[in-house]
């Protein structure tokens, strides 16, 4: 499946948002991650929804700093 992930065209075997997050980050974190599909934030409770070819997905992680 071909998608745009964080503004880069990628091909993925992931079929759900949660699988894509896990593939991208190396694990499925408990907190500190937000996902948007086609510009709309997807609640974590809906991350098991299927991906569709051509979607634009952003995965954002919280970073501590000071």
C-alpha atoms as a PDB file:
ATOM      1  CA  UNK A   1       0.000   0.000   0.000  1.00  0.00           C
ATOM      2  CA  UNK A   2       1.281   3.477  -0.878  1.00  0.00           C
ATOM      3  CA  UNK A   3       0.715   6.276   1.615  1.00  0.00           C
ATOM      4  CA  UNK A   4       2.244   9.615   2.539  1.00  0.00           C
ATOM      5  CA  UNK A   5       3.796   9.370   5.996  1.00  0.00           C
ATOM      6  CA  UNK A   6       5.047  12.579   7.602  1.00  0.00           C
ATOM      7  CA  UNK A   7       5.218  14.209   4.150  1.00  0.00           C
ATOM      8  CA  UNK A   8       7.176  11.351   2.539  1.00  0.00           C
ATOM      9  CA  UNK A   9       5.826   8.798   0.084  1.00  0.00           C
ATOM     10  CA  UNK A  10       6.231   5.287   1.494  1.00  0.00           C
ATOM     11  CA  UNK A  11       5.111   1.781   0.743  1.00  0.00           C
ATOM     12  CA  UNK A  12       3.959  -0.203   3.762  1.00  0.00           C
ATOM     13  CA  UNK A  13       2.680  -3.671   4.545  1.00  0.00           C
ATOM     14  CA  UNK A  14       0.824  -2.305   7.603  1.00  0.00           C
ATOM     15  CA  UNK A  15      -2.937  -2.637   7.335  1.00  0.00           C
ATOM     16  CA  UNK A  16      -3.982  -0.594  10.408  1.00  0.00           C
ATOM     17  CA  UNK A  17      -2.881   2.653  12.017  1.00  0.00           C
ATOM     18  CA  UNK A  18      -1.594   0.825  15.100  1.00  0.00           C
ATOM     19  CA  UNK A  19       0.535  -1.484  12.945  1.00  0.00           C
ATOM     20  CA  UNK A  20       1.909   1.548  11.079  1.00  0.00           C
ATOM     21  CA  UNK A  21       2.773   3.325  14.342  1.00  0.00           C
ATOM     22  CA  UNK A  22       4.490   0.190  15.639  1.00  0.00           C
ATOM     23  CA  UNK A  23       6.434  -0.265  12.383  1.00  0.00           C
ATOM     24  CA  UNK A  24       7.451   3.407  12.315  1.00  0.00           C
ATOM     25  CA  UNK A  25       8.459   3.782  15.973  1.00  0.00           C
ATOM     26  CA  UNK A  26       9.649   0.221  16.624  1.00  0.00           C
ATOM     27  CA  UNK A  27       7.023  -0.268  19.319  1.00  0.00           C
ATOM     28  CA  UNK A  28       3.497   0.800  20.221  1.00  0.00           C
ATOM     29  CA  UNK A  29       4.085   3.391  22.967  1.00  0.00           C
ATOM     30  CA  UNK A  30       1.694   3.832  25.890  1.00  0.00           C
ATOM     31  CA  UNK A  31       1.561   7.629  25.574  1.00  0.00           C
ATOM     32  CA  UNK A  32       3.113  10.644  23.881  1.00  0.00           C
ATOM     33  CA  UNK A  33       2.021   9.864  20.320  1.00  0.00           C
ATOM     34  CA  UNK A  34      -0.631  11.512  18.153  1.00  0.00           C
ATOM     35  CA  UNK A  35      -1.802  10.342  14.742  1.00  0.00           C
ATOM     36  CA  UNK A  36      -3.637  12.304  12.059  1.00  0.00           C
ATOM     37  CA  UNK A  37      -5.130  10.859   8.890  1.00  0.00           C
ATOM     38  CA  UNK A  38      -5.832  13.247   6.038  1.00  0.00           C
ATOM     39  CA  UNK A  39      -5.504  16.174   8.462  1.00  0.00           C
ATOM     40  CA  UNK A  40      -7.828  14.837  11.171  1.00  0.00           C
ATOM     41  CA  UNK A  41      -6.564  13.590  14.530  1.00  0.00           C
ATOM     42  CA  UNK A  42      -7.524   9.976  15.176  1.00  0.00           C
ATOM     43  CA  UNK A  43      -8.168   9.037  18.826  1.00  0.00           C
ATOM     44  CA  UNK A  44      -6.006   6.186  20.094  1.00  0.00           C
ATOM     45  CA  UNK A  45      -9.158   4.116  20.609  1.00  0.00           C
ATOM     46  CA  UNK A  46      -9.590   4.101  16.808  1.00  0.00           C
ATOM     47  CA  UNK A  47      -6.046   3.179  15.791  1.00  0.00           C
ATOM     48  CA  UNK A  48      -7.168  -0.308  14.778  1.00  0.00           C
ATOM     49  CA  UNK A  49      -9.003   1.198  11.798  1.00  0.00           C
ATOM     50  CA  UNK A  50      -7.778   0.023   8.394  1.00  0.00           C
ATOM     51  CA  UNK A  51      -5.425   2.041   6.231  1.00  0.00           C
ATOM     52  CA  UNK A  52      -6.342   2.974   2.670  1.00  0.00           C
ATOM     53  CA  UNK A  53      -4.070   3.479  -0.305  1.00  0.00           C
ATOM     54  CA  UNK A  54      -3.180   7.140  -0.860  1.00  0.00           C
ATOM     55  CA  UNK A  55      -3.893   8.382   2.671  1.00  0.00           C
ATOM     56  CA  UNK A  56      -1.802  11.163   4.210  1.00  0.00           C
ATOM     57  CA  UNK A  57      -0.736  10.156   7.714  1.00  0.00           C
ATOM     58  CA  UNK A  58       1.203  12.124  10.297  1.00  0.00           C
ATOM     59  CA  UNK A  59       2.706  10.465  13.369  1.00  0.00           C
ATOM     60  CA  UNK A  60       3.827  12.958  16.000  1.00  0.00           C
ATOM     61  CA  UNK A  61       5.732  12.186  19.180  1.00  0.00           C
ATOM     62  CA  UNK A  62       6.062  14.347  22.273  1.00  0.00           C
ATOM     63  CA  UNK A  63       9.596  15.442  23.072  1.00  0.00           C
ATOM     64  CA  UNK A  64      10.786  16.752  26.412  1.00  0.00           C
ATOM     65  CA  UNK A  65      13.127  19.665  26.464  1.00  0.00           C
ATOM     66  CA  UNK A  66      14.120  22.616  28.468  1.00  0.00           C
END
